[in-house]
N, C-alpha and C. Protein backbone atom coordinates (compact mmCIF):
# COMPACT_ATOMS: atom_id res chain seq x y z
N UNK A 1 7.51 -1.69 42.00
CA UNK A 1 7.53 -0.27 42.33
C UNK A 1 6.28 0.39 41.78
N UNK A 2 5.61 1.18 42.61
CA UNK A 2 4.39 1.86 42.20
C UNK A 2 4.72 3.13 41.45
N UNK A 3 4.08 3.32 40.30
CA UNK A 3 4.32 4.54 39.52
C UNK A 3 3.76 5.74 40.25
N UNK A 4 4.43 6.86 40.12
CA UNK A 4 4.00 8.08 40.80
C UNK A 4 3.12 8.89 39.87
N UNK A 5 1.82 8.93 40.16
CA UNK A 5 0.86 9.67 39.36
C UNK A 5 0.78 11.10 39.86
N UNK A 6 0.67 12.06 38.94
CA UNK A 6 0.58 13.48 39.29
C UNK A 6 -0.87 13.92 39.27
N UNK A 7 -1.39 14.46 40.39
CA UNK A 7 -2.78 14.95 40.39
C UNK A 7 -2.98 16.03 39.34
N UNK A 8 -4.15 16.04 38.72
CA UNK A 8 -4.45 17.01 37.68
C UNK A 8 -5.37 18.10 38.22
N UNK A 9 -5.26 19.28 37.62
CA UNK A 9 -6.18 20.36 37.97
C UNK A 9 -7.57 19.99 37.46
N UNK A 10 -8.59 20.17 38.32
CA UNK A 10 -9.93 19.71 37.97
C UNK A 10 -10.45 20.40 36.71
N UNK A 11 -10.10 21.66 36.50
CA UNK A 11 -10.65 22.39 35.35
C UNK A 11 -10.16 21.83 34.02
N UNK A 12 -9.03 21.15 34.04
CA UNK A 12 -8.49 20.61 32.79
C UNK A 12 -8.36 19.09 32.83
N UNK A 13 -8.96 18.47 33.83
CA UNK A 13 -8.77 17.03 34.03
C UNK A 13 -9.22 16.22 32.83
N UNK A 14 -10.40 16.55 32.29
CA UNK A 14 -10.94 15.76 31.18
C UNK A 14 -10.00 15.77 29.98
N UNK A 15 -9.38 16.92 29.71
CA UNK A 15 -8.50 17.04 28.56
C UNK A 15 -7.11 16.45 28.82
N UNK A 16 -6.67 16.50 30.09
CA UNK A 16 -5.30 16.12 30.40
C UNK A 16 -5.13 14.70 30.92
N UNK A 17 -6.20 14.05 31.31
CA UNK A 17 -6.07 12.71 31.90
C UNK A 17 -5.44 11.73 30.91
N UNK A 18 -5.94 11.74 29.67
CA UNK A 18 -5.36 10.86 28.67
C UNK A 18 -3.89 11.20 28.43
N UNK A 19 -3.60 12.49 28.31
CA UNK A 19 -2.23 12.91 28.04
C UNK A 19 -1.30 12.50 29.18
N UNK A 20 -1.77 12.62 30.40
CA UNK A 20 -0.95 12.28 31.55
C UNK A 20 -0.55 10.80 31.52
N UNK A 21 -1.52 9.92 31.26
CA UNK A 21 -1.23 8.49 31.22
C UNK A 21 -0.32 8.16 30.05
N UNK A 22 -0.57 8.79 28.90
CA UNK A 22 0.28 8.55 27.74
C UNK A 22 1.73 8.99 28.01
N UNK A 23 1.90 10.12 28.67
CA UNK A 23 3.24 10.60 28.98
C UNK A 23 3.96 9.64 29.93
N UNK A 24 3.21 9.05 30.87
CA UNK A 24 3.81 8.10 31.79
C UNK A 24 4.28 6.84 31.07
N UNK A 25 3.56 6.47 30.00
CA UNK A 25 3.98 5.33 29.21
C UNK A 25 5.23 5.68 28.40
N UNK A 26 5.23 6.88 27.81
CA UNK A 26 6.36 7.30 26.99
C UNK A 26 7.64 7.39 27.79
N UNK A 27 7.55 7.94 29.01
CA UNK A 27 8.79 8.13 29.78
C UNK A 27 9.14 6.92 30.66
N UNK A 28 8.36 5.84 30.54
CA UNK A 28 8.72 4.58 31.19
C UNK A 28 8.20 4.39 32.59
N UNK A 29 7.40 5.31 33.11
CA UNK A 29 6.82 5.11 34.44
C UNK A 29 5.74 4.05 34.40
N UNK A 30 5.12 3.89 33.25
CA UNK A 30 4.20 2.77 33.00
C UNK A 30 4.76 2.00 31.81
N UNK A 31 4.63 0.68 31.83
CA UNK A 31 5.23 -0.13 30.77
C UNK A 31 4.24 -1.19 30.30
N UNK A 32 4.43 -1.72 29.08
CA UNK A 32 3.50 -2.73 28.55
C UNK A 32 3.30 -3.90 29.50
N UNK A 33 2.03 -4.24 29.72
CA UNK A 33 1.69 -5.35 30.60
C UNK A 33 1.48 -4.95 32.05
N UNK A 34 1.81 -3.70 32.40
CA UNK A 34 1.65 -3.28 33.80
C UNK A 34 0.19 -3.03 34.13
N UNK A 35 -0.23 -3.47 35.29
CA UNK A 35 -1.61 -3.26 35.75
C UNK A 35 -1.71 -1.90 36.40
N UNK A 36 -2.73 -1.12 36.00
CA UNK A 36 -2.97 0.18 36.62
C UNK A 36 -3.62 -0.01 37.99
N UNK A 37 -3.46 0.96 38.88
CA UNK A 37 -4.15 0.87 40.17
C UNK A 37 -5.66 0.76 39.99
N UNK A 38 -6.33 0.27 41.01
CA UNK A 38 -7.79 0.15 40.97
C UNK A 38 -8.41 1.53 40.74
N UNK A 39 -9.66 1.52 40.26
CA UNK A 39 -10.31 2.76 39.86
C UNK A 39 -10.31 3.82 40.94
N UNK A 40 -10.71 3.46 42.16
CA UNK A 40 -10.77 4.44 43.23
C UNK A 40 -9.39 5.04 43.51
N UNK A 41 -8.38 4.18 43.59
CA UNK A 41 -7.04 4.67 43.87
C UNK A 41 -6.51 5.54 42.74
N UNK A 42 -6.73 5.10 41.49
CA UNK A 42 -6.21 5.85 40.36
C UNK A 42 -6.87 7.21 40.23
N UNK A 43 -8.18 7.27 40.48
CA UNK A 43 -8.87 8.56 40.41
C UNK A 43 -8.33 9.52 41.47
N UNK A 44 -8.01 8.98 42.66
CA UNK A 44 -7.43 9.82 43.71
C UNK A 44 -6.01 10.26 43.35
N UNK A 45 -5.23 9.35 42.78
CA UNK A 45 -3.86 9.69 42.40
C UNK A 45 -3.82 10.79 41.34
N UNK A 46 -4.76 10.73 40.41
CA UNK A 46 -4.81 11.74 39.35
C UNK A 46 -5.60 12.97 39.76
N UNK A 47 -6.36 12.86 40.83
CA UNK A 47 -7.16 13.98 41.29
C UNK A 47 -8.35 14.27 40.40
N UNK A 48 -8.92 13.22 39.82
CA UNK A 48 -10.09 13.40 38.94
C UNK A 48 -11.22 12.52 39.44
N UNK A 49 -12.42 12.80 38.95
CA UNK A 49 -13.57 12.01 39.38
C UNK A 49 -13.53 10.63 38.73
N UNK A 50 -14.22 9.70 39.33
CA UNK A 50 -14.25 8.34 38.78
C UNK A 50 -14.96 8.29 37.41
N UNK A 51 -16.05 9.06 37.19
CA UNK A 51 -16.63 9.07 35.84
C UNK A 51 -15.65 9.59 34.78
N UNK A 52 -14.87 10.62 35.13
CA UNK A 52 -13.87 11.14 34.19
C UNK A 52 -12.81 10.09 33.92
N UNK A 53 -12.41 9.36 34.96
CA UNK A 53 -11.43 8.32 34.79
C UNK A 53 -11.95 7.21 33.89
N UNK A 54 -13.21 6.83 34.09
CA UNK A 54 -13.78 5.76 33.25
C UNK A 54 -13.80 6.18 31.79
N UNK A 55 -14.16 7.43 31.53
CA UNK A 55 -14.17 7.94 30.16
C UNK A 55 -12.77 7.92 29.57
N UNK A 56 -11.79 8.31 30.38
CA UNK A 56 -10.40 8.31 29.94
C UNK A 56 -9.94 6.90 29.58
N UNK A 57 -10.25 5.95 30.44
CA UNK A 57 -9.83 4.57 30.20
C UNK A 57 -10.51 4.01 28.95
N UNK A 58 -11.80 4.30 28.78
CA UNK A 58 -12.50 3.83 27.58
C UNK A 58 -11.83 4.37 26.32
N UNK A 59 -11.45 5.64 26.35
CA UNK A 59 -10.81 6.25 25.19
C UNK A 59 -9.46 5.61 24.90
N UNK A 60 -8.68 5.37 25.95
CA UNK A 60 -7.36 4.77 25.76
C UNK A 60 -7.46 3.31 25.34
N UNK A 61 -8.50 2.62 25.79
CA UNK A 61 -8.73 1.25 25.34
C UNK A 61 -9.07 1.24 23.85
N UNK A 62 -9.89 2.20 23.42
CA UNK A 62 -10.28 2.25 22.01
C UNK A 62 -9.09 2.54 21.10
N UNK A 63 -8.06 3.17 21.66
CA UNK A 63 -6.84 3.47 20.91
C UNK A 63 -5.79 2.37 21.04
N UNK A 64 -6.15 1.28 21.74
CA UNK A 64 -5.24 0.14 21.96
C UNK A 64 -4.02 0.52 22.79
N UNK A 65 -4.17 1.55 23.63
CA UNK A 65 -3.08 1.95 24.53
C UNK A 65 -3.25 1.24 25.87
N UNK A 66 -4.49 1.10 26.31
CA UNK A 66 -4.79 0.33 27.50
C UNK A 66 -5.63 -0.88 27.11
N UNK A 67 -5.63 -1.87 28.00
CA UNK A 67 -6.40 -3.10 27.77
C UNK A 67 -7.20 -3.40 29.03
N UNK A 68 -8.50 -3.54 28.87
CA UNK A 68 -9.37 -3.85 30.00
C UNK A 68 -9.63 -5.35 30.03
N UNK A 69 -9.27 -5.98 31.15
CA UNK A 69 -9.45 -7.43 31.29
C UNK A 69 -10.54 -7.68 32.34
N UNK A 70 -11.61 -8.31 31.91
CA UNK A 70 -12.76 -8.53 32.78
C UNK A 70 -12.35 -9.30 34.04
N UNK A 71 -12.68 -8.74 35.18
CA UNK A 71 -12.40 -9.38 36.45
C UNK A 71 -10.98 -9.24 36.92
N UNK A 72 -10.15 -8.58 36.11
CA UNK A 72 -8.73 -8.46 36.47
C UNK A 72 -8.28 -7.01 36.63
N UNK A 73 -8.77 -6.13 35.76
CA UNK A 73 -8.38 -4.74 35.86
C UNK A 73 -7.98 -4.16 34.52
N UNK A 74 -7.30 -3.03 34.58
CA UNK A 74 -6.86 -2.33 33.38
C UNK A 74 -5.34 -2.38 33.30
N UNK A 75 -4.85 -2.72 32.12
CA UNK A 75 -3.42 -2.90 31.92
C UNK A 75 -2.93 -2.03 30.76
N UNK A 76 -1.66 -1.68 30.79
CA UNK A 76 -1.03 -1.06 29.63
C UNK A 76 -0.93 -2.13 28.55
N UNK A 77 -1.36 -1.82 27.35
CA UNK A 77 -1.37 -2.80 26.27
C UNK A 77 0.04 -3.09 25.77
N UNK A 78 0.14 -4.01 24.83
CA UNK A 78 1.45 -4.41 24.30
C UNK A 78 2.13 -3.27 23.55
N UNK A 79 1.33 -2.33 23.03
CA UNK A 79 1.85 -1.14 22.36
C UNK A 79 2.63 -1.48 21.10
N UNK A 80 2.21 -2.52 20.39
CA UNK A 80 2.83 -2.82 19.11
C UNK A 80 2.39 -1.80 18.07
N UNK A 81 3.22 -1.57 17.08
CA UNK A 81 2.89 -0.61 16.03
C UNK A 81 1.57 -0.97 15.36
N UNK A 82 1.38 -2.25 15.07
CA UNK A 82 0.16 -2.69 14.40
C UNK A 82 -1.08 -2.38 15.22
N UNK A 83 -1.03 -2.68 16.51
CA UNK A 83 -2.20 -2.45 17.37
C UNK A 83 -2.48 -0.96 17.52
N UNK A 84 -1.44 -0.16 17.70
CA UNK A 84 -1.64 1.27 17.91
C UNK A 84 -2.19 1.97 16.67
N UNK A 85 -1.83 1.47 15.51
CA UNK A 85 -2.29 2.11 14.27
C UNK A 85 -3.60 1.54 13.75
N UNK A 86 -4.08 0.47 14.36
CA UNK A 86 -5.31 -0.16 13.89
C UNK A 86 -6.49 0.82 13.81
N UNK A 87 -6.70 1.70 14.81
CA UNK A 87 -7.84 2.62 14.71
C UNK A 87 -7.76 3.56 13.51
N UNK A 88 -6.55 3.77 12.95
CA UNK A 88 -6.40 4.67 11.82
C UNK A 88 -6.58 3.98 10.48
N UNK A 89 -6.56 2.66 10.46
CA UNK A 89 -6.60 1.96 9.19
C UNK A 89 -7.92 2.17 8.46
N UNK A 90 -9.01 2.24 9.19
CA UNK A 90 -10.32 2.45 8.57
C UNK A 90 -10.37 3.81 7.90
N UNK A 91 -9.83 4.82 8.57
CA UNK A 91 -9.79 6.16 8.00
C UNK A 91 -8.93 6.17 6.74
N UNK A 92 -7.77 5.49 6.79
CA UNK A 92 -6.89 5.43 5.64
C UNK A 92 -7.58 4.76 4.46
N UNK A 93 -8.37 3.74 4.74
CA UNK A 93 -9.03 3.00 3.67
C UNK A 93 -10.08 3.84 2.96
N UNK A 94 -10.69 4.77 3.66
CA UNK A 94 -11.78 5.57 3.09
C UNK A 94 -11.31 6.86 2.45
N UNK A 95 -10.17 7.37 2.86
CA UNK A 95 -9.74 8.70 2.46
C UNK A 95 -8.74 8.61 1.31
N UNK A 96 -9.15 9.06 0.14
CA UNK A 96 -8.30 9.00 -1.05
C UNK A 96 -7.04 9.84 -0.86
N UNK A 97 -7.17 10.99 -0.25
CA UNK A 97 -6.02 11.87 -0.09
C UNK A 97 -4.96 11.24 0.80
N UNK A 98 -5.38 10.55 1.87
CA UNK A 98 -4.40 9.93 2.75
C UNK A 98 -3.72 8.74 2.08
N UNK A 99 -4.44 8.04 1.20
CA UNK A 99 -3.82 6.96 0.45
C UNK A 99 -2.73 7.52 -0.47
N UNK A 100 -3.02 8.65 -1.12
CA UNK A 100 -2.01 9.31 -1.95
C UNK A 100 -0.80 9.71 -1.12
N UNK A 101 -1.05 10.23 0.06
CA UNK A 101 0.04 10.64 0.94
C UNK A 101 0.86 9.44 1.39
N UNK A 102 0.17 8.32 1.60
CA UNK A 102 0.86 7.09 2.00
C UNK A 102 1.88 6.67 0.94
N UNK A 103 1.45 6.64 -0.32
CA UNK A 103 2.37 6.22 -1.37
C UNK A 103 3.46 7.26 -1.60
N UNK A 104 3.15 8.52 -1.41
CA UNK A 104 4.17 9.55 -1.52
C UNK A 104 5.26 9.32 -0.48
N UNK A 105 4.83 8.98 0.74
CA UNK A 105 5.79 8.71 1.81
C UNK A 105 6.62 7.46 1.50
N UNK A 106 5.96 6.43 0.99
CA UNK A 106 6.69 5.21 0.66
C UNK A 106 7.72 5.47 -0.45
N UNK A 107 7.36 6.32 -1.41
CA UNK A 107 8.29 6.63 -2.49
C UNK A 107 9.49 7.45 -2.01
N UNK A 108 9.33 8.14 -0.92
CA UNK A 108 10.46 8.86 -0.32
C UNK A 108 11.37 7.89 0.42
N UNK A 109 10.76 6.97 1.19
CA UNK A 109 11.54 6.13 2.11
C UNK A 109 12.06 4.85 1.46
N UNK A 110 11.23 4.12 0.75
CA UNK A 110 11.61 2.76 0.34
C UNK A 110 12.69 2.68 -0.74
N UNK A 111 12.73 3.57 -1.73
CA UNK A 111 13.86 3.51 -2.65
C UNK A 111 15.20 3.74 -1.93
N UNK A 112 15.20 4.62 -0.94
CA UNK A 112 16.42 4.84 -0.16
C UNK A 112 16.78 3.59 0.64
N UNK A 113 15.78 2.91 1.19
CA UNK A 113 16.05 1.67 1.92
C UNK A 113 16.61 0.60 1.00
N UNK A 114 16.07 0.52 -0.20
CA UNK A 114 16.58 -0.48 -1.16
C UNK A 114 18.04 -0.19 -1.50
N UNK A 115 18.37 1.08 -1.69
CA UNK A 115 19.75 1.44 -2.00
C UNK A 115 20.68 1.11 -0.83
N UNK A 116 20.23 1.41 0.38
CA UNK A 116 21.03 1.07 1.56
C UNK A 116 21.20 -0.44 1.70
N UNK A 117 20.13 -1.18 1.41
CA UNK A 117 20.21 -2.64 1.50
C UNK A 117 21.22 -3.19 0.51
N UNK A 118 21.28 -2.59 -0.69
CA UNK A 118 22.26 -3.03 -1.68
C UNK A 118 23.69 -2.83 -1.19
N UNK A 119 23.88 -1.80 -0.39
CA UNK A 119 25.22 -1.51 0.13
C UNK A 119 25.55 -2.33 1.37
N UNK A 120 24.52 -2.74 2.13
CA UNK A 120 24.77 -3.30 3.46
C UNK A 120 24.30 -4.74 3.66
N UNK A 121 23.46 -5.25 2.81
CA UNK A 121 22.88 -6.59 3.02
C UNK A 121 23.96 -7.67 2.98
N UNK A 122 23.84 -8.63 3.90
CA UNK A 122 24.72 -9.79 3.89
C UNK A 122 24.09 -10.93 3.11
N UNK A 123 24.83 -12.01 2.97
CA UNK A 123 24.32 -13.15 2.20
C UNK A 123 23.06 -13.75 2.84
N UNK A 124 23.00 -13.73 4.18
CA UNK A 124 21.83 -14.26 4.87
C UNK A 124 20.61 -13.38 4.60
N UNK A 125 20.81 -12.06 4.51
CA UNK A 125 19.70 -11.14 4.20
C UNK A 125 19.15 -11.44 2.82
N UNK A 126 20.04 -11.60 1.85
CA UNK A 126 19.60 -11.86 0.48
C UNK A 126 18.91 -13.22 0.40
N UNK A 127 19.42 -14.19 1.11
CA UNK A 127 18.79 -15.51 1.11
C UNK A 127 17.37 -15.44 1.66
N UNK A 128 17.16 -14.64 2.70
CA UNK A 128 15.82 -14.47 3.27
C UNK A 128 14.89 -13.79 2.27
N UNK A 129 15.42 -12.82 1.52
CA UNK A 129 14.62 -12.16 0.49
C UNK A 129 14.22 -13.14 -0.60
N UNK A 130 15.18 -13.99 -1.02
CA UNK A 130 14.87 -15.00 -2.04
C UNK A 130 13.80 -15.96 -1.55
N UNK A 131 13.86 -16.31 -0.28
CA UNK A 131 12.85 -17.20 0.29
C UNK A 131 11.48 -16.54 0.27
N UNK A 132 11.44 -15.24 0.55
CA UNK A 132 10.16 -14.52 0.51
C UNK A 132 9.60 -14.51 -0.90
N UNK A 133 10.47 -14.36 -1.90
CA UNK A 133 10.01 -14.37 -3.29
C UNK A 133 9.33 -15.70 -3.64
N UNK A 134 9.78 -16.77 -3.00
CA UNK A 134 9.25 -18.10 -3.30
C UNK A 134 7.99 -18.44 -2.53
N UNK A 135 7.58 -17.58 -1.60
CA UNK A 135 6.39 -17.84 -0.79
C UNK A 135 5.16 -17.86 -1.68
N UNK A 136 4.37 -18.94 -1.66
CA UNK A 136 3.16 -18.98 -2.50
C UNK A 136 2.09 -17.96 -2.09
N UNK A 137 2.11 -17.53 -0.84
CA UNK A 137 1.18 -16.50 -0.39
C UNK A 137 1.78 -15.14 -0.76
N UNK A 138 1.43 -14.65 -1.93
CA UNK A 138 2.10 -13.47 -2.47
C UNK A 138 1.81 -12.19 -1.69
N UNK A 139 0.65 -12.11 -1.07
CA UNK A 139 0.35 -10.92 -0.27
C UNK A 139 1.23 -10.88 0.96
N UNK A 140 1.34 -12.02 1.64
CA UNK A 140 2.21 -12.11 2.81
C UNK A 140 3.66 -11.91 2.41
N UNK A 141 4.04 -12.47 1.24
CA UNK A 141 5.41 -12.32 0.75
C UNK A 141 5.74 -10.86 0.49
N UNK A 142 4.76 -10.11 0.00
CA UNK A 142 4.95 -8.69 -0.27
C UNK A 142 5.35 -7.95 1.00
N UNK A 143 4.57 -8.15 2.06
CA UNK A 143 4.85 -7.50 3.34
C UNK A 143 6.22 -7.93 3.87
N UNK A 144 6.47 -9.23 3.80
CA UNK A 144 7.73 -9.76 4.34
C UNK A 144 8.93 -9.21 3.59
N UNK A 145 8.86 -9.18 2.27
CA UNK A 145 9.99 -8.73 1.48
C UNK A 145 10.33 -7.27 1.77
N UNK A 146 9.34 -6.42 1.81
CA UNK A 146 9.61 -5.00 2.08
C UNK A 146 10.20 -4.82 3.48
N UNK A 147 9.73 -5.64 4.43
CA UNK A 147 10.30 -5.57 5.78
C UNK A 147 11.75 -6.03 5.79
N UNK A 148 12.04 -7.13 5.08
CA UNK A 148 13.41 -7.64 5.03
C UNK A 148 14.37 -6.64 4.40
N UNK A 149 13.90 -5.96 3.37
CA UNK A 149 14.74 -4.94 2.74
C UNK A 149 15.03 -3.82 3.72
N UNK A 150 14.00 -3.40 4.45
CA UNK A 150 14.20 -2.33 5.44
C UNK A 150 15.18 -2.77 6.52
N UNK A 151 15.06 -4.00 6.97
CA UNK A 151 15.97 -4.49 8.01
C UNK A 151 17.41 -4.60 7.48
N UNK A 152 17.55 -5.04 6.23
CA UNK A 152 18.89 -5.17 5.65
C UNK A 152 19.55 -3.81 5.44
N UNK A 153 18.74 -2.76 5.35
CA UNK A 153 19.30 -1.41 5.18
C UNK A 153 20.07 -0.96 6.40
N UNK A 154 19.77 -1.56 7.55
CA UNK A 154 20.56 -1.29 8.74
C UNK A 154 20.25 0.02 9.44
N UNK A 155 19.05 0.57 9.20
CA UNK A 155 18.65 1.81 9.87
C UNK A 155 17.34 1.53 10.60
N UNK A 156 17.41 1.37 11.91
CA UNK A 156 16.23 0.95 12.68
C UNK A 156 15.13 2.01 12.66
N UNK A 157 15.51 3.28 12.59
CA UNK A 157 14.49 4.34 12.56
C UNK A 157 13.70 4.29 11.26
N UNK A 158 14.40 4.16 10.13
CA UNK A 158 13.70 4.06 8.85
C UNK A 158 12.87 2.79 8.78
N UNK A 159 13.37 1.71 9.36
CA UNK A 159 12.61 0.45 9.37
C UNK A 159 11.31 0.60 10.16
N UNK A 160 11.38 1.32 11.27
CA UNK A 160 10.18 1.56 12.07
C UNK A 160 9.19 2.43 11.32
N UNK A 161 9.70 3.43 10.62
CA UNK A 161 8.83 4.29 9.82
C UNK A 161 8.12 3.49 8.74
N UNK A 162 8.86 2.56 8.12
CA UNK A 162 8.24 1.73 7.10
C UNK A 162 7.18 0.81 7.71
N UNK A 163 7.45 0.28 8.89
CA UNK A 163 6.47 -0.57 9.55
C UNK A 163 5.17 0.19 9.79
N UNK A 164 5.30 1.45 10.16
CA UNK A 164 4.11 2.29 10.36
C UNK A 164 3.35 2.45 9.05
N UNK A 165 4.06 2.77 7.99
CA UNK A 165 3.41 2.94 6.68
C UNK A 165 2.77 1.64 6.21
N UNK A 166 3.45 0.54 6.45
CA UNK A 166 2.93 -0.76 6.02
C UNK A 166 1.63 -1.09 6.75
N UNK A 167 1.58 -0.79 8.04
CA UNK A 167 0.37 -1.06 8.81
C UNK A 167 -0.78 -0.18 8.33
N UNK A 168 -0.51 1.09 8.10
CA UNK A 168 -1.56 2.00 7.64
C UNK A 168 -2.05 1.63 6.23
N UNK A 169 -1.18 1.02 5.44
CA UNK A 169 -1.55 0.68 4.07
C UNK A 169 -2.07 -0.72 3.88
N UNK A 170 -2.40 -1.40 4.98
CA UNK A 170 -2.83 -2.79 4.87
C UNK A 170 -4.06 -2.95 3.99
N UNK A 171 -5.06 -2.10 4.19
CA UNK A 171 -6.29 -2.21 3.40
C UNK A 171 -6.02 -1.91 1.93
N UNK A 172 -5.20 -0.89 1.68
CA UNK A 172 -4.87 -0.54 0.30
C UNK A 172 -4.12 -1.67 -0.38
N UNK A 173 -3.20 -2.32 0.34
CA UNK A 173 -2.43 -3.43 -0.23
C UNK A 173 -3.36 -4.59 -0.60
N UNK A 174 -4.32 -4.89 0.24
CA UNK A 174 -5.25 -5.99 -0.03
C UNK A 174 -6.09 -5.70 -1.27
N UNK A 175 -6.53 -4.44 -1.43
CA UNK A 175 -7.34 -4.08 -2.60
C UNK A 175 -6.54 -4.19 -3.89
N UNK A 176 -5.34 -3.64 -3.89
CA UNK A 176 -4.55 -3.67 -5.12
C UNK A 176 -4.14 -5.10 -5.48
N UNK A 177 -3.87 -5.93 -4.49
CA UNK A 177 -3.46 -7.31 -4.76
C UNK A 177 -4.58 -8.11 -5.43
N UNK A 178 -5.83 -7.70 -5.19
CA UNK A 178 -6.97 -8.43 -5.75
C UNK A 178 -7.23 -8.09 -7.22
N UNK A 179 -6.58 -7.09 -7.74
CA UNK A 179 -6.81 -6.69 -9.14
C UNK A 179 -6.09 -7.64 -10.09
N UNK A 180 -6.67 -7.91 -11.24
CA UNK A 180 -6.09 -8.89 -12.18
C UNK A 180 -4.66 -8.50 -12.60
N UNK A 181 -3.77 -9.46 -12.56
CA UNK A 181 -2.42 -9.27 -13.04
C UNK A 181 -1.47 -8.57 -12.09
N UNK A 182 -1.98 -8.01 -10.99
CA UNK A 182 -1.12 -7.23 -10.10
C UNK A 182 -0.07 -8.10 -9.43
N UNK A 183 -0.47 -9.25 -8.90
CA UNK A 183 0.47 -10.10 -8.18
C UNK A 183 1.57 -10.63 -9.10
N UNK A 184 1.21 -10.94 -10.34
CA UNK A 184 2.22 -11.45 -11.28
C UNK A 184 3.27 -10.38 -11.58
N UNK A 185 2.81 -9.17 -11.85
CA UNK A 185 3.76 -8.09 -12.14
C UNK A 185 4.56 -7.72 -10.90
N UNK A 186 3.89 -7.77 -9.76
CA UNK A 186 4.59 -7.45 -8.51
C UNK A 186 5.72 -8.44 -8.26
N UNK A 187 5.46 -9.73 -8.52
CA UNK A 187 6.48 -10.75 -8.31
C UNK A 187 7.71 -10.47 -9.17
N UNK A 188 7.48 -10.08 -10.42
CA UNK A 188 8.60 -9.78 -11.32
C UNK A 188 9.37 -8.55 -10.84
N UNK A 189 8.64 -7.55 -10.37
CA UNK A 189 9.30 -6.33 -9.87
C UNK A 189 10.08 -6.61 -8.59
N UNK A 190 9.51 -7.43 -7.74
CA UNK A 190 10.22 -7.80 -6.50
C UNK A 190 11.53 -8.51 -6.83
N UNK A 191 11.48 -9.40 -7.81
CA UNK A 191 12.70 -10.12 -8.19
C UNK A 191 13.76 -9.15 -8.70
N UNK A 192 13.33 -8.15 -9.46
CA UNK A 192 14.29 -7.16 -9.97
C UNK A 192 14.94 -6.38 -8.84
N UNK A 193 14.16 -6.06 -7.81
CA UNK A 193 14.70 -5.35 -6.65
C UNK A 193 15.74 -6.21 -5.93
N UNK A 194 15.37 -7.47 -5.68
CA UNK A 194 16.28 -8.36 -4.96
C UNK A 194 17.53 -8.64 -5.78
N UNK A 195 17.37 -8.81 -7.10
CA UNK A 195 18.54 -9.03 -7.95
C UNK A 195 19.51 -7.85 -7.85
N UNK A 196 18.98 -6.64 -7.84
CA UNK A 196 19.83 -5.45 -7.74
C UNK A 196 20.53 -5.40 -6.39
N UNK A 197 19.81 -5.76 -5.34
CA UNK A 197 20.42 -5.78 -4.00
C UNK A 197 21.52 -6.84 -3.95
N UNK A 198 21.23 -8.01 -4.53
CA UNK A 198 22.21 -9.10 -4.54
C UNK A 198 23.46 -8.70 -5.33
N UNK A 199 23.27 -7.89 -6.37
CA UNK A 199 24.40 -7.44 -7.20
C UNK A 199 25.13 -6.25 -6.57
N UNK A 200 24.66 -5.80 -5.43
CA UNK A 200 25.23 -4.65 -4.72
C UNK A 200 25.16 -3.38 -5.58
N UNK A 201 24.11 -3.28 -6.38
CA UNK A 201 23.92 -2.13 -7.26
C UNK A 201 22.87 -1.21 -6.63
N UNK A 202 23.33 -0.23 -5.86
CA UNK A 202 22.43 0.63 -5.09
C UNK A 202 21.49 1.42 -5.99
N UNK A 203 22.01 1.96 -7.08
CA UNK A 203 21.16 2.78 -7.95
C UNK A 203 20.13 1.94 -8.68
N UNK A 204 20.50 0.74 -9.08
CA UNK A 204 19.53 -0.15 -9.72
C UNK A 204 18.44 -0.56 -8.73
N UNK A 205 18.83 -0.81 -7.48
CA UNK A 205 17.85 -1.17 -6.45
C UNK A 205 16.90 -0.01 -6.19
N UNK A 206 17.45 1.19 -6.12
CA UNK A 206 16.61 2.38 -5.93
C UNK A 206 15.63 2.54 -7.08
N UNK A 207 16.13 2.41 -8.31
CA UNK A 207 15.27 2.59 -9.48
C UNK A 207 14.19 1.50 -9.55
N UNK A 208 14.56 0.27 -9.23
CA UNK A 208 13.58 -0.83 -9.29
C UNK A 208 12.49 -0.64 -8.26
N UNK A 209 12.86 -0.20 -7.06
CA UNK A 209 11.85 0.05 -6.03
C UNK A 209 10.95 1.21 -6.42
N UNK A 210 11.52 2.26 -6.98
CA UNK A 210 10.73 3.41 -7.40
C UNK A 210 9.72 3.02 -8.47
N UNK A 211 10.17 2.23 -9.46
CA UNK A 211 9.27 1.79 -10.53
C UNK A 211 8.14 0.93 -9.97
N UNK A 212 8.48 0.05 -9.05
CA UNK A 212 7.47 -0.82 -8.45
C UNK A 212 6.41 -0.03 -7.70
N UNK A 213 6.85 0.87 -6.84
CA UNK A 213 5.89 1.64 -6.03
C UNK A 213 5.08 2.61 -6.88
N UNK A 214 5.68 3.15 -7.91
CA UNK A 214 4.95 4.07 -8.80
C UNK A 214 3.81 3.34 -9.49
N UNK A 215 4.07 2.12 -9.94
CA UNK A 215 3.00 1.34 -10.59
C UNK A 215 1.92 0.96 -9.60
N UNK A 216 2.30 0.51 -8.40
CA UNK A 216 1.31 0.11 -7.40
C UNK A 216 0.47 1.31 -6.98
N UNK A 217 1.07 2.47 -6.88
CA UNK A 217 0.33 3.68 -6.51
C UNK A 217 -0.72 4.00 -7.59
N UNK A 218 -0.36 3.82 -8.84
CA UNK A 218 -1.30 4.08 -9.93
C UNK A 218 -2.47 3.10 -9.86
N UNK A 219 -2.18 1.84 -9.56
CA UNK A 219 -3.24 0.83 -9.43
C UNK A 219 -4.17 1.18 -8.27
N UNK A 220 -3.58 1.61 -7.16
CA UNK A 220 -4.37 1.93 -5.95
C UNK A 220 -5.31 3.11 -6.20
N UNK A 221 -4.94 3.98 -7.12
CA UNK A 221 -5.78 5.16 -7.40
C UNK A 221 -6.92 4.86 -8.35
N UNK A 222 -6.90 3.70 -8.97
CA UNK A 222 -7.97 3.34 -9.90
C UNK A 222 -9.28 3.13 -9.13
N UNK A 223 -10.40 3.56 -9.71
CA UNK A 223 -11.69 3.37 -9.03
C UNK A 223 -12.09 1.91 -8.93
């Protein structure tokens, strides 16, 4: 089925072309992996010039919303959280204020997720967390454990929010992990969190997660 594109007013085409395509993706008229019409057809469907369309496509490709395949055409990208947030990671890495905001957000969300996980996690969830603790790649284990806790909490919206924060904080996580002693202390703190979840002690899990993130935030702020 061909998606129905809405022609744009020429006076606002440059500003609205990106928004129009994004809205079509959001409401399901365009979906990941779908090939867009050829340039001439798409420019006519949107009622914009071909140069304006090319600029629009370049911008959406740079945001990982569209994917240009040589000799094949332009497609809607996979739209994974990691890919969509990739253009923002460089900004996050450079901006001290946004790093502070990132940890503030994590301190709001993750202690609550740990408490929910303590109330809702099954034996298989805890076993997966224990396996993550044993992973020799401690940086990868860090990401995996926090994701498993979010999933065990049983709230898909909060889990998605954490995935967003985790992606934006990738550079910060790599820097803090490289500091002396950080991984050793992190491993001990992670074990305390999982032990509290395993004991079904929601308040202990919340407190352990808060202590862990507070320390990591302080390390991340060091010059």
